[in-house]
Amino acid sequence: MIRSNRLQLVCFAILFCSMVTVAASEEPAGNWRPLMDGKTLTGWHAVGDGTWTVEDGAFVGRADNEKLYGLLVSDAKFGDFTVRFQFKCLSGDSGFYIRTIVKEPEKAHGLQVQVGRTGSGVGGIYESYGRAWVSKASNELEKSFTKDDQWNDMVIEARGGNVTVHVNGVKSAELKDDPSRPEGHLALQMHSGCVMHVLFRNIEIRQ
């Protein structure tokens, strides 16, 4: 009887450990939360010039040589997170701001990850109204992972002073122990002074 009980306890322990392992492996995927509903601009607000709409489930920004930048800013602020999304830049110069603070009339201060076409520094990290480029892929590497006129996947991980960017599965930029702002808004950018047509979809965050 004692031997049987021991065998049952061992089996139970193995089963329990297996369940914990499976739960742990599944947990990260379950933590992703959408930041857009695919139908409206709910959760975001526009600042500056240009027009933001929702078309076929995507945020679409259009502008024609506007004087001011056009921003779509998250209502909420975020600190440590991983954000993933898809982008397509058909014309112009765009970006995805993290931990930004917007000052009037439309100045987004903080780190911006470049979104654009090949040769614009896609996936690089730029500090607006600060240090300018702080991490950027070589021209050769950028050409290898950027897909013009197609959807591109971008993942930005921000943990304290460490920021890592991947574009289409390739690491495009990285900061370590950076003294940038620990919390702020997310924002999508349309650059002033050019013809803009940029799309973002499937924006999700994990905190």
N, C-alpha and C. Protein backbone atom coordinates (compact mmCIF):
# COMPACT_ATOMS: atom_id res chain seq x y z
N MET A 1 0.84 -1.21 0.00
CA MET A 1 0.00 0.00 0.00
C MET A 1 0.87 1.27 0.00
N ILE A 2 1.94 1.26 0.81
CA ILE A 2 2.83 2.41 0.89
C ILE A 2 3.50 2.66 -0.45
N ARG A 3 3.93 1.51 -1.08
CA ARG A 3 4.58 1.63 -2.39
C ARG A 3 3.63 2.20 -3.43
N SER A 4 2.37 1.76 -3.36
CA SER A 4 1.37 2.25 -4.29
C SER A 4 1.13 3.74 -4.10
N ASN A 5 1.07 4.18 -2.84
CA ASN A 5 0.86 5.60 -2.56
C ASN A 5 2.02 6.45 -3.08
N ARG A 6 3.24 5.91 -2.90
CA ARG A 6 4.41 6.64 -3.38
C ARG A 6 4.38 6.78 -4.91
N LEU A 7 3.97 5.70 -5.56
CA LEU A 7 3.88 5.74 -7.02
C LEU A 7 2.86 6.75 -7.48
N GLN A 8 1.75 6.83 -6.76
CA GLN A 8 0.71 7.80 -7.11
C GLN A 8 1.22 9.23 -6.91
N LEU A 9 1.98 9.44 -5.82
CA LEU A 9 2.52 10.77 -5.56
C LEU A 9 3.51 11.20 -6.65
N VAL A 10 4.36 10.25 -7.08
CA VAL A 10 5.33 10.55 -8.13
C VAL A 10 4.61 10.91 -9.43
N CYS A 11 3.59 10.12 -9.78
CA CYS A 11 2.82 10.39 -10.99
C CYS A 11 2.15 11.75 -10.93
N PHE A 12 1.59 12.07 -9.76
CA PHE A 12 0.93 13.36 -9.57
C PHE A 12 1.93 14.50 -9.73
N ALA A 13 3.14 14.32 -9.16
CA ALA A 13 4.16 15.36 -9.24
C ALA A 13 4.57 15.60 -10.68
N ILE A 14 4.74 14.51 -11.45
CA ILE A 14 5.12 14.64 -12.85
C ILE A 14 4.04 15.36 -13.64
N LEU A 15 2.78 14.98 -13.39
CA LEU A 15 1.66 15.61 -14.08
C LEU A 15 1.56 17.08 -13.76
N PHE A 16 1.75 17.42 -12.47
CA PHE A 16 1.67 18.81 -12.04
C PHE A 16 2.77 19.65 -12.69
N CYS A 17 3.99 19.13 -12.72
CA CYS A 17 5.10 19.86 -13.33
C CYS A 17 4.86 20.07 -14.83
N SER A 18 4.29 19.07 -15.46
CA SER A 18 3.99 19.18 -16.89
C SER A 18 2.97 20.27 -17.15
N MET A 19 1.94 20.33 -16.29
CA MET A 19 0.91 21.35 -16.45
C MET A 19 1.49 22.74 -16.24
N VAL A 20 2.38 22.90 -15.25
CA VAL A 20 2.99 24.20 -14.99
C VAL A 20 3.85 24.62 -16.15
N THR A 21 4.62 23.67 -16.71
CA THR A 21 5.49 23.98 -17.84
C THR A 21 4.70 24.43 -19.05
N VAL A 22 3.61 23.72 -19.34
CA VAL A 22 2.76 24.08 -20.48
C VAL A 22 2.15 25.46 -20.27
N ALA A 23 1.65 25.72 -19.05
CA ALA A 23 1.04 27.02 -18.76
C ALA A 23 2.04 28.15 -18.92
N ALA A 24 3.29 27.90 -18.45
CA ALA A 24 4.31 28.93 -18.55
C ALA A 24 4.68 29.23 -19.99
N SER A 25 4.73 28.15 -20.80
CA SER A 25 5.09 28.35 -22.19
C SER A 25 4.00 29.06 -22.97
N GLU A 26 2.75 28.93 -22.53
CA GLU A 26 1.64 29.55 -23.23
C GLU A 26 1.34 30.96 -22.73
N GLU A 27 1.82 31.29 -21.57
CA GLU A 27 1.45 32.55 -20.94
C GLU A 27 1.82 33.79 -21.76
N PRO A 28 3.08 33.91 -22.30
CA PRO A 28 3.42 35.14 -23.03
C PRO A 28 2.49 35.42 -24.19
N ALA A 29 2.14 34.39 -24.97
CA ALA A 29 1.29 34.61 -26.13
C ALA A 29 -0.09 35.11 -25.72
N GLY A 30 -0.54 34.69 -24.55
CA GLY A 30 -1.86 35.08 -24.09
C GLY A 30 -1.93 36.48 -23.54
N ASN A 31 -0.78 37.13 -23.35
CA ASN A 31 -0.75 38.45 -22.75
C ASN A 31 -0.85 39.59 -23.77
N TRP A 32 -0.84 39.28 -25.05
CA TRP A 32 -0.93 40.34 -26.06
C TRP A 32 -2.32 40.98 -26.03
N ARG A 33 -2.33 42.31 -26.06
CA ARG A 33 -3.59 43.06 -26.02
C ARG A 33 -3.66 44.01 -27.20
N PRO A 34 -4.75 43.98 -27.99
CA PRO A 34 -4.84 44.88 -29.14
C PRO A 34 -5.00 46.33 -28.70
N LEU A 35 -4.39 47.25 -29.45
CA LEU A 35 -4.50 48.68 -29.18
C LEU A 35 -5.33 49.39 -30.24
N MET A 36 -5.98 48.62 -31.10
CA MET A 36 -6.87 49.19 -32.11
C MET A 36 -7.98 48.18 -32.37
N ASP A 37 -9.20 48.69 -32.65
CA ASP A 37 -10.31 47.78 -32.88
C ASP A 37 -10.54 47.49 -34.37
N GLY A 38 -9.77 48.14 -35.23
CA GLY A 38 -9.87 47.90 -36.67
C GLY A 38 -11.04 48.60 -37.34
N LYS A 39 -11.81 49.37 -36.56
CA LYS A 39 -12.98 50.05 -37.11
C LYS A 39 -12.99 51.55 -36.84
N THR A 40 -12.43 51.94 -35.68
CA THR A 40 -12.45 53.34 -35.28
C THR A 40 -11.08 53.75 -34.75
N LEU A 41 -10.95 55.03 -34.40
CA LEU A 41 -9.72 55.54 -33.80
C LEU A 41 -9.78 55.50 -32.27
N THR A 42 -10.71 54.73 -31.73
CA THR A 42 -10.87 54.64 -30.28
C THR A 42 -9.55 54.28 -29.60
N GLY A 43 -9.21 55.04 -28.55
CA GLY A 43 -7.97 54.81 -27.82
C GLY A 43 -6.82 55.66 -28.32
N TRP A 44 -7.07 56.43 -29.38
CA TRP A 44 -6.05 57.28 -29.98
C TRP A 44 -6.66 58.65 -30.31
N HIS A 45 -5.83 59.66 -30.45
CA HIS A 45 -6.32 60.97 -30.86
C HIS A 45 -5.30 61.62 -31.79
N ALA A 46 -5.82 62.37 -32.75
CA ALA A 46 -4.97 63.01 -33.76
C ALA A 46 -4.47 64.36 -33.28
N VAL A 47 -3.23 64.68 -33.66
CA VAL A 47 -2.61 65.96 -33.34
C VAL A 47 -1.92 66.47 -34.60
N GLY A 48 -2.03 67.77 -34.87
CA GLY A 48 -1.32 68.34 -36.01
C GLY A 48 -2.09 68.23 -37.31
N ASP A 49 -1.34 68.25 -38.43
CA ASP A 49 -1.95 68.28 -39.75
C ASP A 49 -2.10 66.88 -40.34
N GLY A 50 -2.72 66.83 -41.53
CA GLY A 50 -2.96 65.55 -42.17
C GLY A 50 -4.22 64.90 -41.64
N THR A 51 -4.54 63.75 -42.20
CA THR A 51 -5.78 63.05 -41.83
C THR A 51 -5.49 61.60 -41.51
N TRP A 52 -6.05 61.13 -40.41
CA TRP A 52 -5.97 59.72 -40.02
C TRP A 52 -7.36 59.10 -40.16
N THR A 53 -7.42 57.97 -40.86
CA THR A 53 -8.68 57.25 -41.02
C THR A 53 -8.44 55.77 -40.70
N VAL A 54 -9.52 55.00 -40.70
CA VAL A 54 -9.43 53.55 -40.54
C VAL A 54 -9.99 52.91 -41.81
N GLU A 55 -9.16 52.13 -42.49
CA GLU A 55 -9.56 51.50 -43.75
C GLU A 55 -9.09 50.05 -43.78
N ASP A 56 -10.02 49.14 -44.00
CA ASP A 56 -9.70 47.71 -44.05
C ASP A 56 -8.92 47.26 -42.82
N GLY A 57 -9.32 47.78 -41.65
CA GLY A 57 -8.72 47.37 -40.39
C GLY A 57 -7.42 48.07 -40.05
N ALA A 58 -6.96 49.02 -40.87
CA ALA A 58 -5.68 49.68 -40.64
C ALA A 58 -5.86 51.17 -40.37
N PHE A 59 -4.96 51.74 -39.56
CA PHE A 59 -4.85 53.20 -39.44
C PHE A 59 -4.14 53.70 -40.69
N VAL A 60 -4.73 54.66 -41.38
CA VAL A 60 -4.15 55.19 -42.61
C VAL A 60 -3.93 56.69 -42.45
N GLY A 61 -2.69 57.11 -42.66
CA GLY A 61 -2.35 58.53 -42.57
C GLY A 61 -2.05 59.11 -43.94
N ARG A 62 -2.67 60.24 -44.24
CA ARG A 62 -2.44 60.92 -45.52
C ARG A 62 -2.22 62.41 -45.27
N ALA A 63 -1.24 62.96 -45.96
CA ALA A 63 -0.97 64.40 -45.87
C ALA A 63 -0.29 64.84 -47.15
N ASP A 64 -0.41 66.14 -47.45
CA ASP A 64 0.13 66.67 -48.70
C ASP A 64 0.95 67.92 -48.39
N ASN A 65 2.24 67.70 -48.12
CA ASN A 65 3.17 68.82 -47.86
C ASN A 65 2.64 69.76 -46.78
N GLU A 66 2.20 69.18 -45.68
CA GLU A 66 1.62 69.98 -44.60
C GLU A 66 2.71 70.73 -43.83
N LYS A 67 2.29 71.79 -43.17
CA LYS A 67 3.22 72.59 -42.38
C LYS A 67 3.58 71.88 -41.08
N LEU A 68 2.60 71.25 -40.44
CA LEU A 68 2.82 70.57 -39.16
C LEU A 68 2.90 69.06 -39.35
N TYR A 69 3.61 68.41 -38.44
CA TYR A 69 3.58 66.96 -38.39
C TYR A 69 2.15 66.49 -38.11
N GLY A 70 1.83 65.30 -38.58
CA GLY A 70 0.56 64.69 -38.23
C GLY A 70 0.80 63.49 -37.33
N LEU A 71 0.23 63.51 -36.14
CA LEU A 71 0.47 62.45 -35.18
C LEU A 71 -0.85 61.77 -34.80
N LEU A 72 -0.79 60.47 -34.57
CA LEU A 72 -1.90 59.74 -33.96
C LEU A 72 -1.37 59.20 -32.66
N VAL A 73 -1.85 59.75 -31.55
CA VAL A 73 -1.26 59.53 -30.23
C VAL A 73 -2.16 58.64 -29.38
N SER A 74 -1.57 57.68 -28.69
CA SER A 74 -2.36 56.83 -27.80
C SER A 74 -2.86 57.65 -26.61
N ASP A 75 -4.08 57.40 -26.21
CA ASP A 75 -4.61 58.07 -25.02
C ASP A 75 -3.85 57.66 -23.77
N ALA A 76 -3.46 56.39 -23.72
CA ALA A 76 -2.78 55.84 -22.54
C ALA A 76 -1.27 56.03 -22.63
N LYS A 77 -0.63 55.99 -21.46
CA LYS A 77 0.83 56.01 -21.37
C LYS A 77 1.32 54.60 -21.05
N PHE A 78 2.57 54.32 -21.45
CA PHE A 78 3.14 53.00 -21.23
C PHE A 78 4.59 53.15 -20.77
N GLY A 79 5.01 52.20 -19.93
CA GLY A 79 6.38 52.20 -19.43
C GLY A 79 7.19 51.08 -20.04
N ASP A 80 7.20 49.91 -19.37
CA ASP A 80 7.89 48.74 -19.90
C ASP A 80 6.89 47.90 -20.69
N PHE A 81 7.28 47.50 -21.90
CA PHE A 81 6.33 46.79 -22.77
C PHE A 81 7.06 46.20 -23.96
N THR A 82 6.34 45.34 -24.68
CA THR A 82 6.71 44.93 -26.03
C THR A 82 5.51 45.25 -26.91
N VAL A 83 5.74 45.97 -27.99
CA VAL A 83 4.67 46.30 -28.91
C VAL A 83 5.01 45.73 -30.28
N ARG A 84 4.01 45.19 -30.96
CA ARG A 84 4.23 44.65 -32.30
C ARG A 84 3.13 45.15 -33.22
N PHE A 85 3.47 45.30 -34.49
CA PHE A 85 2.50 45.81 -35.47
C PHE A 85 3.05 45.57 -36.86
N GLN A 86 2.22 45.89 -37.84
CA GLN A 86 2.63 45.84 -39.24
C GLN A 86 2.49 47.24 -39.83
N PHE A 87 3.41 47.59 -40.72
CA PHE A 87 3.35 48.90 -41.36
C PHE A 87 3.63 48.76 -42.85
N LYS A 88 3.11 49.74 -43.59
CA LYS A 88 3.38 49.86 -45.02
C LYS A 88 3.49 51.35 -45.33
N CYS A 89 4.65 51.78 -45.79
CA CYS A 89 4.85 53.19 -46.12
C CYS A 89 4.93 53.32 -47.63
N LEU A 90 3.87 53.88 -48.23
CA LEU A 90 3.81 54.02 -49.68
C LEU A 90 4.48 55.29 -50.17
N SER A 91 4.48 56.31 -49.32
CA SER A 91 5.20 57.55 -49.64
C SER A 91 5.42 58.34 -48.36
N GLY A 92 6.48 59.14 -48.36
CA GLY A 92 6.76 59.98 -47.21
C GLY A 92 7.70 59.37 -46.21
N ASP A 93 7.68 59.93 -45.00
CA ASP A 93 8.62 59.58 -43.93
C ASP A 93 7.83 59.48 -42.64
N SER A 94 7.81 58.30 -42.04
CA SER A 94 6.98 58.08 -40.87
C SER A 94 7.81 57.54 -39.70
N GLY A 95 7.12 57.26 -38.61
CA GLY A 95 7.80 56.74 -37.43
C GLY A 95 6.81 56.26 -36.40
N PHE A 96 7.32 55.49 -35.44
CA PHE A 96 6.52 54.98 -34.32
C PHE A 96 7.23 55.43 -33.05
N TYR A 97 6.60 56.38 -32.34
CA TYR A 97 7.18 56.91 -31.10
C TYR A 97 6.85 56.02 -29.91
N ILE A 98 7.80 55.90 -28.99
CA ILE A 98 7.55 55.22 -27.73
C ILE A 98 7.88 56.17 -26.58
N ARG A 99 7.08 56.07 -25.52
CA ARG A 99 7.31 56.87 -24.31
C ARG A 99 7.46 58.36 -24.65
N THR A 100 6.64 58.83 -25.55
CA THR A 100 6.76 60.21 -25.99
C THR A 100 5.86 61.15 -25.20
N ILE A 101 6.25 62.39 -25.16
CA ILE A 101 5.45 63.47 -24.59
C ILE A 101 5.25 64.50 -25.70
N VAL A 102 4.01 64.84 -25.99
CA VAL A 102 3.71 65.77 -27.07
C VAL A 102 3.56 67.18 -26.51
N LYS A 103 4.33 68.10 -27.07
CA LYS A 103 4.26 69.50 -26.68
C LYS A 103 3.68 70.31 -27.84
N GLU A 104 2.91 71.34 -27.52
CA GLU A 104 2.22 72.13 -28.54
C GLU A 104 3.21 72.74 -29.53
N PRO A 105 2.80 72.83 -30.81
CA PRO A 105 1.49 72.37 -31.28
C PRO A 105 1.46 70.87 -31.62
N GLU A 106 2.64 70.27 -32.00
CA GLU A 106 2.64 68.86 -32.41
C GLU A 106 4.05 68.27 -32.31
N LYS A 107 4.79 68.69 -31.29
CA LYS A 107 6.17 68.25 -31.15
C LYS A 107 6.24 67.03 -30.24
N ALA A 108 6.54 65.87 -30.83
CA ALA A 108 6.64 64.63 -30.06
C ALA A 108 8.08 64.44 -29.61
N HIS A 109 8.31 64.57 -28.30
CA HIS A 109 9.65 64.48 -27.74
C HIS A 109 9.89 63.05 -27.24
N GLY A 110 11.04 62.50 -27.60
CA GLY A 110 11.38 61.16 -27.13
C GLY A 110 11.90 60.29 -28.26
N LEU A 111 11.90 58.98 -28.01
CA LEU A 111 12.45 58.04 -28.98
C LEU A 111 11.43 57.71 -30.06
N GLN A 112 11.92 57.72 -31.29
CA GLN A 112 11.09 57.38 -32.45
C GLN A 112 11.79 56.25 -33.21
N VAL A 113 11.04 55.20 -33.54
CA VAL A 113 11.58 54.15 -34.38
C VAL A 113 11.15 54.43 -35.81
N GLN A 114 12.12 54.50 -36.72
CA GLN A 114 11.85 54.91 -38.08
C GLN A 114 10.98 53.91 -38.84
N VAL A 115 9.95 54.44 -39.48
CA VAL A 115 9.07 53.69 -40.38
C VAL A 115 9.13 54.41 -41.72
N GLY A 116 9.46 53.69 -42.77
CA GLY A 116 9.56 54.34 -44.07
C GLY A 116 9.95 53.37 -45.15
N ARG A 117 10.59 53.92 -46.17
CA ARG A 117 11.03 53.12 -47.30
C ARG A 117 12.52 52.89 -47.21
N THR A 118 13.02 51.93 -47.97
CA THR A 118 14.44 51.60 -47.94
C THR A 118 15.30 52.85 -48.14
N GLY A 119 16.28 52.99 -47.27
CA GLY A 119 17.17 54.15 -47.34
C GLY A 119 16.84 55.24 -46.36
N SER A 120 15.70 55.11 -45.67
CA SER A 120 15.30 56.15 -44.72
C SER A 120 15.76 55.84 -43.30
N GLY A 121 16.39 54.67 -43.12
CA GLY A 121 16.81 54.28 -41.77
C GLY A 121 15.78 53.41 -41.08
N VAL A 122 15.02 52.63 -41.85
CA VAL A 122 13.94 51.80 -41.31
C VAL A 122 14.44 50.95 -40.13
N GLY A 123 13.67 51.00 -39.03
CA GLY A 123 14.02 50.22 -37.85
C GLY A 123 15.05 50.87 -36.95
N GLY A 124 15.58 52.02 -37.36
CA GLY A 124 16.54 52.73 -36.51
C GLY A 124 15.83 53.54 -35.43
N ILE A 125 16.56 53.89 -34.39
CA ILE A 125 16.01 54.66 -33.26
C ILE A 125 16.55 56.09 -33.32
N TYR A 126 15.64 57.05 -33.29
CA TYR A 126 15.97 58.47 -33.42
C TYR A 126 15.35 59.21 -32.23
N GLU A 127 16.13 60.04 -31.58
CA GLU A 127 15.57 60.84 -30.48
C GLU A 127 15.19 62.22 -31.01
N SER A 128 13.89 62.44 -31.13
CA SER A 128 13.39 63.71 -31.65
C SER A 128 13.64 64.84 -30.66
N TYR A 129 14.13 65.97 -31.19
CA TYR A 129 14.44 67.16 -30.40
C TYR A 129 15.47 66.83 -29.32
N GLY A 130 16.37 65.88 -29.67
CA GLY A 130 17.41 65.48 -28.73
C GLY A 130 18.68 65.09 -29.46
N ARG A 131 19.07 63.82 -29.29
CA ARG A 131 20.36 63.35 -29.80
C ARG A 131 20.35 62.92 -31.26
N ALA A 132 19.21 63.00 -31.93
CA ALA A 132 19.06 62.51 -33.32
C ALA A 132 19.24 60.99 -33.33
N TRP A 133 19.94 60.43 -34.33
CA TRP A 133 20.07 58.97 -34.40
C TRP A 133 20.89 58.45 -33.22
N VAL A 134 20.34 57.44 -32.53
CA VAL A 134 21.07 56.82 -31.42
C VAL A 134 21.38 55.35 -31.70
N SER A 135 20.71 54.75 -32.67
CA SER A 135 21.03 53.39 -33.11
C SER A 135 20.41 53.18 -34.48
N LYS A 136 21.22 52.66 -35.41
CA LYS A 136 20.74 52.56 -36.79
C LYS A 136 21.46 51.44 -37.51
N ALA A 137 20.72 50.66 -38.29
CA ALA A 137 21.32 49.58 -39.07
C ALA A 137 22.14 50.14 -40.23
N SER A 138 23.10 49.35 -40.71
CA SER A 138 23.85 49.76 -41.89
C SER A 138 22.92 49.76 -43.10
N ASN A 139 23.33 50.47 -44.15
CA ASN A 139 22.51 50.52 -45.37
C ASN A 139 22.29 49.12 -45.94
N GLU A 140 23.32 48.29 -45.89
CA GLU A 140 23.21 46.93 -46.43
C GLU A 140 22.22 46.10 -45.65
N LEU A 141 22.29 46.20 -44.31
CA LEU A 141 21.37 45.43 -43.48
C LEU A 141 19.94 45.91 -43.66
N GLU A 142 19.77 47.23 -43.73
CA GLU A 142 18.43 47.79 -43.93
C GLU A 142 17.80 47.29 -45.23
N LYS A 143 18.58 47.26 -46.29
CA LYS A 143 18.08 46.76 -47.58
C LYS A 143 17.66 45.30 -47.50
N SER A 144 18.34 44.53 -46.63
CA SER A 144 18.06 43.10 -46.56
C SER A 144 16.72 42.79 -45.89
N PHE A 145 16.24 43.68 -45.00
CA PHE A 145 15.01 43.35 -44.27
C PHE A 145 13.81 44.24 -44.61
N THR A 146 14.01 45.32 -45.34
CA THR A 146 12.90 46.24 -45.65
C THR A 146 12.18 45.81 -46.92
N LYS A 147 10.86 45.80 -46.86
CA LYS A 147 10.04 45.43 -48.01
C LYS A 147 9.19 46.63 -48.42
N ASP A 148 9.62 47.35 -49.45
CA ASP A 148 8.86 48.51 -49.92
C ASP A 148 7.55 48.06 -50.56
N ASP A 149 6.52 48.88 -50.35
CA ASP A 149 5.19 48.65 -50.94
C ASP A 149 4.54 47.36 -50.45
N GLN A 150 5.04 46.80 -49.34
CA GLN A 150 4.47 45.59 -48.75
C GLN A 150 4.33 45.81 -47.24
N TRP A 151 3.60 44.90 -46.61
CA TRP A 151 3.49 44.95 -45.16
C TRP A 151 4.79 44.46 -44.53
N ASN A 152 5.26 45.19 -43.53
CA ASN A 152 6.45 44.83 -42.77
C ASN A 152 6.06 44.60 -41.31
N ASP A 153 6.70 43.65 -40.67
CA ASP A 153 6.47 43.37 -39.25
C ASP A 153 7.51 44.09 -38.41
N MET A 154 7.06 44.78 -37.38
CA MET A 154 7.99 45.44 -36.46
C MET A 154 7.65 45.06 -35.02
N VAL A 155 8.67 44.77 -34.23
CA VAL A 155 8.52 44.49 -32.80
C VAL A 155 9.47 45.39 -32.05
N ILE A 156 8.95 46.14 -31.07
CA ILE A 156 9.76 47.03 -30.24
C ILE A 156 9.62 46.58 -28.79
N GLU A 157 10.74 46.26 -28.17
CA GLU A 157 10.74 45.87 -26.76
C GLU A 157 11.44 46.94 -25.95
N ALA A 158 10.76 47.47 -24.94
CA ALA A 158 11.31 48.51 -24.09
C ALA A 158 11.23 48.06 -22.63
N ARG A 159 12.38 47.86 -22.01
CA ARG A 159 12.47 47.44 -20.62
C ARG A 159 13.47 48.34 -19.92
N GLY A 160 12.97 49.28 -19.14
CA GLY A 160 13.87 50.23 -18.51
C GLY A 160 14.63 51.01 -19.58
N GLY A 161 15.96 51.04 -19.46
CA GLY A 161 16.78 51.73 -20.43
C GLY A 161 17.19 50.89 -21.61
N ASN A 162 16.66 49.67 -21.71
CA ASN A 162 17.00 48.78 -22.81
C ASN A 162 15.87 48.76 -23.84
N VAL A 163 16.20 49.06 -25.08
CA VAL A 163 15.23 49.10 -26.16
C VAL A 163 15.78 48.30 -27.34
N THR A 164 14.99 47.36 -27.85
CA THR A 164 15.40 46.54 -28.98
C THR A 164 14.33 46.58 -30.05
N VAL A 165 14.75 46.68 -31.31
CA VAL A 165 13.81 46.74 -32.44
C VAL A 165 14.13 45.61 -33.42
N HIS A 166 13.09 44.91 -33.85
CA HIS A 166 13.22 43.91 -34.90
C HIS A 166 12.27 44.26 -36.05
N VAL A 167 12.76 44.16 -37.27
CA VAL A 167 11.94 44.37 -38.47
C VAL A 167 12.00 43.11 -39.31
N ASN A 168 10.84 42.52 -39.53
CA ASN A 168 10.76 41.28 -40.31
C ASN A 168 11.71 40.22 -39.77
N GLY A 169 11.80 40.15 -38.42
CA GLY A 169 12.59 39.13 -37.77
C GLY A 169 14.06 39.43 -37.62
N VAL A 170 14.52 40.59 -38.10
CA VAL A 170 15.93 40.97 -38.04
C VAL A 170 16.11 42.11 -37.05
N LYS A 171 17.10 41.99 -36.15
CA LYS A 171 17.37 43.07 -35.21
C LYS A 171 17.93 44.27 -35.97
N SER A 172 17.22 45.40 -35.87
CA SER A 172 17.61 46.59 -36.62
C SER A 172 18.23 47.67 -35.74
N ALA A 173 17.99 47.63 -34.43
CA ALA A 173 18.53 48.65 -33.53
C ALA A 173 18.45 48.15 -32.10
N GLU A 174 19.34 48.70 -31.26
CA GLU A 174 19.33 48.31 -29.85
C GLU A 174 19.98 49.40 -29.01
N LEU A 175 19.37 49.67 -27.87
CA LEU A 175 19.94 50.57 -26.87
C LEU A 175 20.05 49.83 -25.55
N LYS A 176 21.12 50.11 -24.81
CA LYS A 176 21.30 49.51 -23.49
C LYS A 176 21.57 50.61 -22.47
N ASP A 177 20.85 50.52 -21.35
CA ASP A 177 21.01 51.49 -20.26
C ASP A 177 20.86 52.92 -20.77
N ASP A 178 19.88 53.15 -21.61
CA ASP A 178 19.66 54.47 -22.17
C ASP A 178 18.94 55.37 -21.16
N PRO A 179 19.31 56.63 -21.07
CA PRO A 179 18.70 57.53 -20.08
C PRO A 179 17.40 58.17 -20.54
N SER A 180 16.75 57.62 -21.55
CA SER A 180 15.53 58.23 -22.07
C SER A 180 14.37 58.10 -21.09
N ARG A 181 13.27 58.77 -21.39
CA ARG A 181 12.10 58.83 -20.52
C ARG A 181 11.54 57.43 -20.22
N PRO A 182 11.18 57.13 -18.96
CA PRO A 182 10.71 55.79 -18.61
C PRO A 182 9.25 55.51 -18.94
N GLU A 183 8.47 56.55 -19.26
CA GLU A 183 7.05 56.35 -19.53
C GLU A 183 6.54 57.45 -20.44
N GLY A 184 5.55 57.11 -21.26
CA GLY A 184 4.96 58.11 -22.14
C GLY A 184 3.98 57.48 -23.10
N HIS A 185 3.53 58.26 -24.06
CA HIS A 185 2.55 57.79 -25.03
C HIS A 185 3.24 57.06 -26.18
N LEU A 186 2.47 56.27 -26.90
CA LEU A 186 2.86 55.79 -28.22
C LEU A 186 2.30 56.78 -29.24
N ALA A 187 2.95 56.89 -30.38
CA ALA A 187 2.44 57.80 -31.40
C ALA A 187 2.91 57.36 -32.78
N LEU A 188 2.01 57.51 -33.76
CA LEU A 188 2.33 57.25 -35.15
C LEU A 188 2.55 58.60 -35.81
N GLN A 189 3.52 58.64 -36.73
CA GLN A 189 3.93 59.94 -37.28
C GLN A 189 3.71 60.05 -38.78
N MET A 190 3.30 61.25 -39.21
CA MET A 190 3.40 61.68 -40.59
C MET A 190 4.31 62.90 -40.60
N HIS A 191 5.39 62.84 -41.38
CA HIS A 191 6.35 63.93 -41.42
C HIS A 191 5.76 65.13 -42.15
N SER A 192 6.13 66.31 -41.71
CA SER A 192 5.69 67.53 -42.39
C SER A 192 6.48 67.71 -43.69
N GLY A 193 5.93 68.52 -44.59
CA GLY A 193 6.65 68.92 -45.78
C GLY A 193 6.84 67.85 -46.85
N CYS A 194 6.01 66.79 -46.81
CA CYS A 194 6.10 65.78 -47.86
C CYS A 194 4.73 65.14 -48.08
N VAL A 195 4.60 64.44 -49.19
CA VAL A 195 3.36 63.73 -49.48
C VAL A 195 3.38 62.42 -48.71
N MET A 196 2.39 62.22 -47.85
CA MET A 196 2.38 61.07 -46.95
C MET A 196 1.26 60.09 -47.30
N HIS A 197 1.62 58.81 -47.25
CA HIS A 197 0.63 57.74 -47.31
C HIS A 197 1.23 56.56 -46.56
N VAL A 198 0.79 56.37 -45.32
CA VAL A 198 1.36 55.34 -44.46
C VAL A 198 0.23 54.58 -43.77
N LEU A 199 0.46 53.28 -43.54
CA LEU A 199 -0.57 52.43 -42.95
C LEU A 199 0.02 51.62 -41.80
N PHE A 200 -0.77 51.48 -40.74
CA PHE A 200 -0.40 50.65 -39.59
C PHE A 200 -1.58 49.73 -39.27
N ARG A 201 -1.30 48.48 -38.95
CA ARG A 201 -2.37 47.56 -38.57
C ARG A 201 -1.88 46.56 -37.52
N ASN A 202 -2.85 45.90 -36.87
CA ASN A 202 -2.55 44.84 -35.89
C ASN A 202 -1.60 45.30 -34.80
N ILE A 203 -1.84 46.50 -34.26
CA ILE A 203 -1.00 46.99 -33.17
C ILE A 203 -1.40 46.30 -31.88
N GLU A 204 -0.45 45.59 -31.26
CA GLU A 204 -0.71 44.85 -30.02
C GLU A 204 0.42 45.13 -29.03
N ILE A 205 0.07 45.06 -27.75
CA ILE A 205 1.07 45.34 -26.71
C ILE A 205 1.04 44.24 -25.65
N ARG A 206 2.21 44.02 -25.06
CA ARG A 206 2.33 43.08 -23.94
C ARG A 206 3.14 43.77 -22.86
N GLN A 207 2.55 43.89 -21.67
CA GLN A 207 3.23 44.60 -20.58
C GLN A 207 3.62 43.64 -19.48
